[in-house]
């Protein structure tokens, strides 16, 4: 039998405090990808321009050129996401536990297209394609700008809660 060092006795209260500290450290680690993420300042403008040009292509470019137009826009978005993922020190993960402070801003960001796209479609159908394009570009750029602000507030709240 091996000679084991005697473990110091820990009271139940100390044990609970140690567990709380370990849980807090685990939560800090999970939140790091969220609190460490920074949006480039030009993101709302770029997203607005992207949405405008994509919608203009849907409204006015037909056939093979229209398909190419849409594919170019898809490649641009995927390229941006890849670049963003590589350049950030930390990146949010939707696979783990999302800090509760981010629930509302993230839900609003994902709900915005559900509202904006049908309105843009109706504008394009009943008014004009360029009106739909301007509407979707301005409102999507505004939505991304509002999300960036809400995200920054949520990050500050998470850092304060886990400090």
N, C-alpha and C. Protein backbone atom coordinates (compact mmCIF):
# COMPACT_ATOMS: atom_id res chain seq x y z
N UNK A 1 0.84 -1.17 0.00
CA UNK A 1 0.00 0.00 0.00
C UNK A 1 0.89 1.24 0.00
N UNK A 2 0.53 2.18 -0.84
CA UNK A 2 1.33 3.39 -0.97
C UNK A 2 1.05 4.33 0.19
N UNK A 3 2.05 5.11 0.49
CA UNK A 3 1.91 6.09 1.55
C UNK A 3 1.31 7.35 0.94
N UNK A 4 0.11 7.63 1.27
CA UNK A 4 -0.55 8.83 0.73
C UNK A 4 -0.48 9.94 1.75
N UNK A 5 -0.30 11.14 1.23
CA UNK A 5 -0.31 12.29 2.12
C UNK A 5 -1.73 12.53 2.58
N UNK A 6 -1.86 12.90 3.77
CA UNK A 6 -3.19 13.18 4.31
C UNK A 6 -3.70 14.48 3.72
N UNK A 7 -4.91 14.44 3.23
CA UNK A 7 -5.54 15.63 2.67
C UNK A 7 -6.01 16.50 3.83
N UNK A 8 -5.81 17.81 3.71
CA UNK A 8 -6.29 18.67 4.78
C UNK A 8 -7.81 18.59 4.85
N UNK A 9 -8.30 18.67 6.04
CA UNK A 9 -9.75 18.62 6.23
C UNK A 9 -10.36 19.93 5.77
N UNK A 10 -11.45 19.82 5.02
CA UNK A 10 -12.15 20.98 4.50
C UNK A 10 -13.57 20.92 5.03
N UNK A 11 -14.00 22.02 5.58
CA UNK A 11 -15.36 22.04 6.11
C UNK A 11 -16.36 22.08 4.96
N UNK A 12 -17.61 21.78 5.26
CA UNK A 12 -18.66 21.80 4.23
C UNK A 12 -18.82 23.20 3.66
N UNK A 13 -18.69 24.21 4.49
CA UNK A 13 -18.84 25.58 4.02
C UNK A 13 -17.71 25.94 3.06
N UNK A 14 -16.48 25.54 3.42
CA UNK A 14 -15.34 25.80 2.54
C UNK A 14 -15.48 25.01 1.24
N UNK A 15 -15.98 23.80 1.35
CA UNK A 15 -16.19 22.95 0.18
C UNK A 15 -17.19 23.59 -0.78
N UNK A 16 -18.27 24.13 -0.25
CA UNK A 16 -19.27 24.80 -1.07
C UNK A 16 -18.67 26.03 -1.76
N UNK A 17 -17.84 26.77 -1.05
CA UNK A 17 -17.22 27.96 -1.62
C UNK A 17 -16.25 27.58 -2.73
N UNK A 18 -15.52 26.51 -2.54
CA UNK A 18 -14.60 26.04 -3.58
C UNK A 18 -15.39 25.63 -4.82
N UNK A 19 -16.48 24.92 -4.63
CA UNK A 19 -17.33 24.53 -5.76
C UNK A 19 -17.89 25.74 -6.48
N UNK A 20 -18.34 26.74 -5.72
CA UNK A 20 -18.86 27.96 -6.34
C UNK A 20 -17.80 28.65 -7.18
N UNK A 21 -16.58 28.71 -6.67
CA UNK A 21 -15.48 29.33 -7.41
C UNK A 21 -15.17 28.55 -8.69
N UNK A 22 -15.18 27.23 -8.60
CA UNK A 22 -14.91 26.41 -9.78
C UNK A 22 -16.02 26.58 -10.83
N UNK A 23 -17.26 26.64 -10.39
CA UNK A 23 -18.36 26.86 -11.32
C UNK A 23 -18.26 28.23 -11.97
N UNK A 24 -17.87 29.23 -11.19
CA UNK A 24 -17.72 30.58 -11.72
C UNK A 24 -16.61 30.61 -12.78
N UNK A 25 -15.51 29.92 -12.51
CA UNK A 25 -14.40 29.87 -13.49
C UNK A 25 -14.85 29.15 -14.76
N UNK A 26 -15.63 28.09 -14.62
CA UNK A 26 -16.13 27.38 -15.80
C UNK A 26 -17.06 28.29 -16.60
N UNK A 27 -17.90 29.05 -15.91
CA UNK A 27 -18.81 29.97 -16.61
C UNK A 27 -18.02 31.08 -17.29
N UNK A 28 -16.96 31.56 -16.65
CA UNK A 28 -16.11 32.58 -17.28
C UNK A 28 -15.50 32.03 -18.56
N UNK A 29 -15.04 30.79 -18.52
CA UNK A 29 -14.45 30.18 -19.70
C UNK A 29 -15.45 30.04 -20.83
N UNK A 30 -16.68 29.63 -20.50
CA UNK A 30 -17.72 29.51 -21.53
C UNK A 30 -18.09 30.87 -22.12
N UNK A 31 -18.07 31.90 -21.29
CA UNK A 31 -18.47 33.24 -21.74
C UNK A 31 -17.36 33.97 -22.49
N UNK A 32 -16.14 33.47 -22.42
CA UNK A 32 -15.01 34.19 -23.02
C UNK A 32 -15.21 34.46 -24.51
N UNK A 33 -15.71 33.47 -25.24
CA UNK A 33 -15.93 33.67 -26.67
C UNK A 33 -16.94 34.77 -26.95
N UNK A 34 -17.88 34.94 -26.05
CA UNK A 34 -18.92 35.96 -26.22
C UNK A 34 -18.42 37.33 -25.79
N UNK A 35 -17.78 37.40 -24.63
CA UNK A 35 -17.36 38.71 -24.12
C UNK A 35 -16.12 39.23 -24.82
N UNK A 36 -15.33 38.34 -25.44
CA UNK A 36 -14.12 38.77 -26.12
C UNK A 36 -14.33 39.19 -27.55
N UNK A 37 -15.52 38.93 -28.10
CA UNK A 37 -15.78 39.25 -29.50
C UNK A 37 -15.97 40.74 -29.70
N UNK A 38 -15.38 41.29 -30.75
CA UNK A 38 -15.53 42.71 -31.09
C UNK A 38 -15.98 42.83 -32.54
N UNK A 39 -17.03 43.61 -32.76
CA UNK A 39 -17.50 43.85 -34.12
C UNK A 39 -16.68 44.96 -34.76
N UNK A 40 -16.26 44.77 -36.01
CA UNK A 40 -15.63 45.88 -36.70
C UNK A 40 -16.63 47.04 -36.83
N UNK A 41 -16.17 48.27 -36.73
CA UNK A 41 -17.06 49.44 -36.76
C UNK A 41 -17.82 49.55 -38.08
N UNK A 42 -17.26 49.02 -39.15
CA UNK A 42 -17.87 49.16 -40.46
C UNK A 42 -18.92 48.07 -40.75
N UNK A 43 -19.13 47.14 -39.83
CA UNK A 43 -20.05 46.02 -40.08
C UNK A 43 -21.46 46.47 -40.45
N UNK A 44 -22.11 47.39 -39.74
CA UNK A 44 -23.48 47.77 -40.12
C UNK A 44 -23.56 48.35 -41.54
N UNK A 45 -22.61 49.20 -41.89
CA UNK A 45 -22.60 49.78 -43.24
C UNK A 45 -22.39 48.70 -44.29
N UNK A 46 -21.43 47.81 -44.05
CA UNK A 46 -21.16 46.74 -45.01
C UNK A 46 -22.37 45.82 -45.17
N UNK A 47 -23.02 45.49 -44.07
CA UNK A 47 -24.21 44.62 -44.15
C UNK A 47 -25.36 45.32 -44.87
N UNK A 48 -25.50 46.60 -44.65
CA UNK A 48 -26.54 47.36 -45.36
C UNK A 48 -26.28 47.41 -46.86
N UNK A 49 -25.03 47.66 -47.24
CA UNK A 49 -24.67 47.70 -48.66
C UNK A 49 -24.86 46.31 -49.28
N UNK A 50 -24.43 45.28 -48.56
CA UNK A 50 -24.59 43.91 -49.07
C UNK A 50 -26.08 43.60 -49.30
N UNK A 51 -26.92 43.91 -48.33
CA UNK A 51 -28.36 43.62 -48.45
C UNK A 51 -28.98 44.41 -49.61
N UNK A 52 -28.55 45.66 -49.77
CA UNK A 52 -29.07 46.49 -50.86
C UNK A 52 -28.69 45.91 -52.21
N UNK A 53 -27.41 45.60 -52.40
CA UNK A 53 -26.98 45.09 -53.71
C UNK A 53 -27.56 43.70 -53.99
N UNK A 54 -27.70 42.88 -52.97
CA UNK A 54 -28.31 41.57 -53.16
C UNK A 54 -29.76 41.71 -53.61
N UNK A 55 -30.50 42.60 -52.96
CA UNK A 55 -31.91 42.81 -53.30
C UNK A 55 -32.04 43.43 -54.69
N UNK A 56 -31.17 44.36 -55.03
CA UNK A 56 -31.20 44.92 -56.38
C UNK A 56 -30.98 43.82 -57.43
N UNK A 57 -30.08 42.91 -57.14
CA UNK A 57 -29.85 41.80 -58.05
C UNK A 57 -31.06 40.91 -58.19
N UNK A 58 -31.74 40.64 -57.08
CA UNK A 58 -32.96 39.83 -57.14
C UNK A 58 -34.04 40.53 -57.96
N UNK A 59 -34.09 41.85 -57.84
CA UNK A 59 -35.16 42.61 -58.52
C UNK A 59 -34.87 42.84 -60.00
N UNK A 60 -33.62 43.04 -60.36
CA UNK A 60 -33.33 43.51 -61.71
C UNK A 60 -32.41 42.63 -62.55
N UNK A 61 -31.81 41.62 -61.99
CA UNK A 61 -30.87 40.80 -62.75
C UNK A 61 -31.47 39.40 -62.90
N UNK A 62 -31.68 38.98 -64.15
CA UNK A 62 -32.33 37.69 -64.43
C UNK A 62 -31.35 36.70 -65.03
N UNK A 63 -31.79 35.47 -65.13
CA UNK A 63 -31.06 34.43 -65.83
C UNK A 63 -29.75 34.05 -65.18
N UNK A 64 -28.80 33.70 -66.02
CA UNK A 64 -27.50 33.25 -65.55
C UNK A 64 -26.78 34.34 -64.77
N UNK A 65 -26.88 35.56 -65.24
CA UNK A 65 -26.23 36.67 -64.53
C UNK A 65 -26.83 36.84 -63.13
N UNK A 66 -28.13 36.65 -63.00
CA UNK A 66 -28.77 36.72 -61.69
C UNK A 66 -28.27 35.64 -60.75
N UNK A 67 -28.08 34.45 -61.29
CA UNK A 67 -27.54 33.35 -60.48
C UNK A 67 -26.12 33.66 -60.04
N UNK A 68 -25.32 34.15 -60.97
CA UNK A 68 -23.94 34.53 -60.63
C UNK A 68 -23.94 35.64 -59.59
N UNK A 69 -24.82 36.62 -59.76
CA UNK A 69 -24.93 37.73 -58.80
C UNK A 69 -25.20 37.20 -57.39
N UNK A 70 -26.15 36.28 -57.28
CA UNK A 70 -26.50 35.70 -55.98
C UNK A 70 -25.34 34.88 -55.41
N UNK A 71 -24.68 34.10 -56.25
CA UNK A 71 -23.55 33.30 -55.79
C UNK A 71 -22.39 34.17 -55.32
N UNK A 72 -22.14 35.26 -56.03
CA UNK A 72 -21.09 36.19 -55.60
C UNK A 72 -21.41 36.75 -54.22
N UNK A 73 -22.66 37.10 -54.00
CA UNK A 73 -23.06 37.61 -52.69
C UNK A 73 -22.92 36.55 -51.60
N UNK A 74 -23.24 35.32 -51.92
CA UNK A 74 -23.07 34.22 -50.97
C UNK A 74 -21.59 34.03 -50.63
N UNK A 75 -20.74 34.05 -51.64
CA UNK A 75 -19.30 33.90 -51.42
C UNK A 75 -18.76 35.06 -50.58
N UNK A 76 -19.25 36.27 -50.83
CA UNK A 76 -18.81 37.43 -50.04
C UNK A 76 -19.17 37.25 -48.56
N UNK A 77 -20.39 36.81 -48.28
CA UNK A 77 -20.81 36.60 -46.88
C UNK A 77 -19.99 35.50 -46.23
N UNK A 78 -19.83 34.38 -46.92
CA UNK A 78 -19.04 33.28 -46.35
C UNK A 78 -17.58 33.69 -46.17
N UNK A 79 -17.05 34.47 -47.11
CA UNK A 79 -15.69 34.97 -46.97
C UNK A 79 -15.56 35.89 -45.78
N UNK A 80 -16.53 36.78 -45.59
CA UNK A 80 -16.50 37.66 -44.43
C UNK A 80 -16.53 36.86 -43.13
N UNK A 81 -17.42 35.87 -43.06
CA UNK A 81 -17.53 35.06 -41.84
C UNK A 81 -16.22 34.31 -41.57
N UNK A 82 -15.61 33.76 -42.63
CA UNK A 82 -14.33 33.08 -42.45
C UNK A 82 -13.24 34.03 -41.99
N UNK A 83 -13.15 35.20 -42.62
CA UNK A 83 -12.17 36.20 -42.23
C UNK A 83 -12.39 36.63 -40.78
N UNK A 84 -13.65 36.89 -40.44
CA UNK A 84 -13.98 37.34 -39.09
C UNK A 84 -13.60 36.28 -38.06
N UNK A 85 -13.88 35.04 -38.37
CA UNK A 85 -13.57 33.95 -37.46
C UNK A 85 -12.06 33.83 -37.23
N UNK A 86 -11.28 34.04 -38.28
CA UNK A 86 -9.82 33.95 -38.16
C UNK A 86 -9.21 35.14 -37.42
N UNK A 87 -9.79 36.32 -37.55
CA UNK A 87 -9.16 37.52 -37.00
C UNK A 87 -9.56 37.83 -35.56
N UNK A 88 -10.61 37.21 -35.07
CA UNK A 88 -11.05 37.48 -33.70
C UNK A 88 -10.22 36.68 -32.71
N UNK A 89 -9.94 37.29 -31.56
CA UNK A 89 -9.22 36.58 -30.50
C UNK A 89 -10.10 35.48 -29.92
N UNK A 90 -11.38 35.74 -29.81
CA UNK A 90 -12.34 34.77 -29.29
C UNK A 90 -13.59 34.87 -30.16
N UNK A 91 -14.29 33.76 -30.31
CA UNK A 91 -15.46 33.75 -31.18
C UNK A 91 -16.62 33.09 -30.45
N UNK A 92 -17.81 33.68 -30.52
CA UNK A 92 -18.97 33.09 -29.84
C UNK A 92 -19.29 31.70 -30.37
N UNK A 93 -19.70 30.83 -29.47
CA UNK A 93 -20.08 29.48 -29.86
C UNK A 93 -21.54 29.26 -29.48
N UNK A 94 -22.34 28.91 -30.48
CA UNK A 94 -23.74 28.63 -30.21
C UNK A 94 -23.92 27.20 -29.73
N UNK A 95 -22.84 26.41 -29.73
CA UNK A 95 -22.93 25.02 -29.29
C UNK A 95 -22.89 24.87 -27.79
N UNK A 96 -22.27 25.79 -27.10
CA UNK A 96 -22.18 25.71 -25.65
C UNK A 96 -23.31 26.47 -24.99
N UNK A 97 -23.09 26.82 -23.74
CA UNK A 97 -24.07 27.60 -23.00
C UNK A 97 -23.89 29.07 -23.33
N UNK A 98 -24.93 29.68 -23.85
CA UNK A 98 -24.90 31.10 -24.18
C UNK A 98 -25.25 31.88 -22.91
N UNK A 99 -24.41 32.84 -22.51
CA UNK A 99 -24.77 33.65 -21.34
C UNK A 99 -26.14 34.30 -21.53
N UNK A 100 -26.93 34.32 -20.48
CA UNK A 100 -28.33 34.78 -20.58
C UNK A 100 -28.45 36.23 -21.05
N UNK A 101 -27.44 37.05 -20.82
CA UNK A 101 -27.49 38.45 -21.26
C UNK A 101 -27.56 38.59 -22.78
N UNK A 102 -27.14 37.57 -23.50
CA UNK A 102 -27.14 37.62 -24.97
C UNK A 102 -28.42 37.06 -25.60
N UNK A 103 -29.29 36.47 -24.80
CA UNK A 103 -30.47 35.83 -25.37
C UNK A 103 -31.36 36.80 -26.15
N UNK A 104 -31.71 37.92 -25.55
CA UNK A 104 -32.61 38.87 -26.22
C UNK A 104 -31.99 39.50 -27.47
N UNK A 105 -30.75 40.02 -27.40
CA UNK A 105 -30.18 40.61 -28.61
C UNK A 105 -30.04 39.59 -29.75
N UNK A 106 -29.63 38.36 -29.42
CA UNK A 106 -29.45 37.35 -30.45
C UNK A 106 -30.79 36.94 -31.06
N UNK A 107 -31.81 36.78 -30.21
CA UNK A 107 -33.14 36.44 -30.73
C UNK A 107 -33.66 37.56 -31.63
N UNK A 108 -33.43 38.80 -31.24
CA UNK A 108 -33.89 39.93 -32.07
C UNK A 108 -33.16 39.96 -33.40
N UNK A 109 -31.85 39.67 -33.40
CA UNK A 109 -31.09 39.66 -34.66
C UNK A 109 -31.63 38.59 -35.60
N UNK A 110 -31.93 37.41 -35.07
CA UNK A 110 -32.43 36.33 -35.92
C UNK A 110 -33.89 36.55 -36.32
N UNK A 111 -34.64 37.31 -35.53
CA UNK A 111 -36.05 37.59 -35.87
C UNK A 111 -36.17 38.72 -36.89
N UNK A 112 -35.20 39.62 -36.94
CA UNK A 112 -35.28 40.78 -37.83
C UNK A 112 -35.52 40.39 -39.29
N UNK A 113 -34.78 39.44 -39.86
CA UNK A 113 -35.06 39.09 -41.26
C UNK A 113 -36.45 38.50 -41.48
N UNK A 114 -37.00 37.85 -40.45
CA UNK A 114 -38.34 37.28 -40.57
C UNK A 114 -39.37 38.39 -40.80
N UNK A 115 -39.10 39.56 -40.25
CA UNK A 115 -39.99 40.71 -40.44
C UNK A 115 -39.59 41.50 -41.69
N UNK A 116 -38.30 41.75 -41.86
CA UNK A 116 -37.83 42.63 -42.94
C UNK A 116 -38.00 42.04 -44.33
N UNK A 117 -37.73 40.76 -44.49
CA UNK A 117 -37.78 40.16 -45.83
C UNK A 117 -39.19 40.19 -46.43
N UNK A 118 -40.25 39.80 -45.68
CA UNK A 118 -41.58 39.91 -46.29
C UNK A 118 -41.97 41.35 -46.64
N UNK A 119 -41.59 42.31 -45.80
CA UNK A 119 -41.90 43.71 -46.09
C UNK A 119 -41.16 44.14 -47.36
N UNK A 120 -39.89 43.77 -47.47
CA UNK A 120 -39.12 44.11 -48.67
C UNK A 120 -39.72 43.45 -49.90
N UNK A 121 -40.16 42.21 -49.77
CA UNK A 121 -40.80 41.53 -50.90
C UNK A 121 -42.05 42.29 -51.35
N UNK A 122 -42.87 42.66 -50.38
CA UNK A 122 -44.10 43.40 -50.74
C UNK A 122 -43.78 44.75 -51.37
N UNK A 123 -42.78 45.44 -50.84
CA UNK A 123 -42.37 46.71 -51.46
C UNK A 123 -41.88 46.49 -52.88
N UNK A 124 -41.09 45.45 -53.08
CA UNK A 124 -40.58 45.17 -54.42
C UNK A 124 -41.69 44.77 -55.37
N UNK A 125 -42.66 44.06 -54.89
CA UNK A 125 -43.75 43.58 -55.73
C UNK A 125 -44.73 44.70 -56.09
N UNK A 126 -45.09 45.51 -55.06
CA UNK A 126 -46.13 46.52 -55.27
C UNK A 126 -45.60 47.92 -55.59
N UNK A 127 -44.38 48.22 -55.22
CA UNK A 127 -43.84 49.57 -55.45
C UNK A 127 -42.74 49.50 -56.51
N UNK A 128 -41.54 49.14 -56.11
CA UNK A 128 -40.42 49.00 -57.05
C UNK A 128 -39.27 48.26 -56.38
N UNK A 129 -38.46 47.59 -57.19
CA UNK A 129 -37.33 46.84 -56.65
C UNK A 129 -36.32 47.71 -55.94
N UNK A 130 -36.09 48.90 -56.48
CA UNK A 130 -35.10 49.78 -55.83
C UNK A 130 -35.60 50.26 -54.48
N UNK A 131 -36.92 50.44 -54.32
CA UNK A 131 -37.48 50.83 -53.02
C UNK A 131 -37.26 49.71 -52.01
N UNK A 132 -37.50 48.48 -52.44
CA UNK A 132 -37.27 47.33 -51.57
C UNK A 132 -35.80 47.23 -51.18
N UNK A 133 -34.92 47.47 -52.15
CA UNK A 133 -33.48 47.39 -51.89
C UNK A 133 -33.03 48.45 -50.90
N UNK A 134 -33.50 49.67 -51.07
CA UNK A 134 -33.14 50.74 -50.13
C UNK A 134 -33.71 50.42 -48.74
N UNK A 135 -34.97 49.96 -48.70
CA UNK A 135 -35.58 49.61 -47.42
C UNK A 135 -34.78 48.53 -46.69
N UNK A 136 -34.48 47.44 -47.39
CA UNK A 136 -33.78 46.33 -46.73
C UNK A 136 -32.37 46.72 -46.35
N UNK A 137 -31.70 47.52 -47.18
CA UNK A 137 -30.34 47.95 -46.85
C UNK A 137 -30.30 48.83 -45.61
N UNK A 138 -31.19 49.80 -45.57
CA UNK A 138 -31.21 50.73 -44.42
C UNK A 138 -31.65 50.01 -43.15
N UNK A 139 -32.71 49.22 -43.23
CA UNK A 139 -33.23 48.57 -42.02
C UNK A 139 -32.30 47.46 -41.54
N UNK A 140 -31.69 46.70 -42.45
CA UNK A 140 -30.77 45.66 -42.02
C UNK A 140 -29.50 46.28 -41.44
N UNK A 141 -28.98 47.34 -42.05
CA UNK A 141 -27.84 48.04 -41.48
C UNK A 141 -28.15 48.59 -40.09
N UNK A 142 -29.35 49.14 -39.93
CA UNK A 142 -29.79 49.64 -38.62
C UNK A 142 -29.92 48.50 -37.62
N UNK A 143 -30.48 47.38 -38.05
CA UNK A 143 -30.63 46.22 -37.16
C UNK A 143 -29.27 45.71 -36.69
N UNK A 144 -28.30 45.65 -37.60
CA UNK A 144 -26.96 45.20 -37.22
C UNK A 144 -26.31 46.20 -36.28
N UNK A 145 -26.50 47.48 -36.53
CA UNK A 145 -25.95 48.52 -35.64
C UNK A 145 -26.55 48.40 -34.24
N UNK A 146 -27.87 48.24 -34.16
CA UNK A 146 -28.54 48.07 -32.86
C UNK A 146 -28.07 46.80 -32.16
N UNK A 147 -27.90 45.74 -32.93
CA UNK A 147 -27.41 44.48 -32.35
C UNK A 147 -26.00 44.67 -31.79
N UNK A 148 -25.13 45.35 -32.53
CA UNK A 148 -23.78 45.58 -32.05
C UNK A 148 -23.78 46.34 -30.72
N UNK A 149 -24.65 47.32 -30.60
CA UNK A 149 -24.76 48.08 -29.35
C UNK A 149 -25.29 47.21 -28.22
N UNK A 150 -26.34 46.43 -28.51
CA UNK A 150 -26.91 45.54 -27.50
C UNK A 150 -25.89 44.48 -27.10
N UNK A 151 -25.12 44.00 -28.05
CA UNK A 151 -24.09 43.00 -27.79
C UNK A 151 -23.02 43.58 -26.85
N UNK A 152 -22.61 44.81 -27.11
CA UNK A 152 -21.60 45.45 -26.25
C UNK A 152 -22.14 45.62 -24.82
N UNK A 153 -23.41 46.01 -24.70
CA UNK A 153 -24.01 46.12 -23.35
C UNK A 153 -24.08 44.76 -22.67
N UNK A 154 -24.45 43.74 -23.41
CA UNK A 154 -24.53 42.39 -22.84
C UNK A 154 -23.14 41.92 -22.41
N UNK A 155 -22.13 42.21 -23.21
CA UNK A 155 -20.77 41.82 -22.85
C UNK A 155 -20.32 42.50 -21.56
N UNK A 156 -20.63 43.78 -21.43
CA UNK A 156 -20.28 44.50 -20.21
C UNK A 156 -21.01 43.90 -19.01
N UNK A 157 -22.27 43.54 -19.18
CA UNK A 157 -23.05 42.96 -18.09
C UNK A 157 -22.49 41.59 -17.69
N UNK A 158 -22.09 40.79 -18.67
CA UNK A 158 -21.54 39.48 -18.36
C UNK A 158 -20.20 39.63 -17.63
N UNK A 159 -19.36 40.53 -18.13
CA UNK A 159 -18.07 40.75 -17.45
C UNK A 159 -18.29 41.23 -16.01
N UNK A 160 -19.25 42.11 -15.80
CA UNK A 160 -19.53 42.60 -14.44
C UNK A 160 -20.06 41.47 -13.56
N UNK A 161 -20.93 40.65 -14.10
CA UNK A 161 -21.52 39.55 -13.31
C UNK A 161 -20.47 38.52 -12.95
N UNK A 162 -19.53 38.25 -13.83
CA UNK A 162 -18.53 37.20 -13.59
C UNK A 162 -17.24 37.73 -12.99
N UNK A 163 -17.18 39.03 -12.71
CA UNK A 163 -15.95 39.60 -12.14
C UNK A 163 -15.71 39.14 -10.74
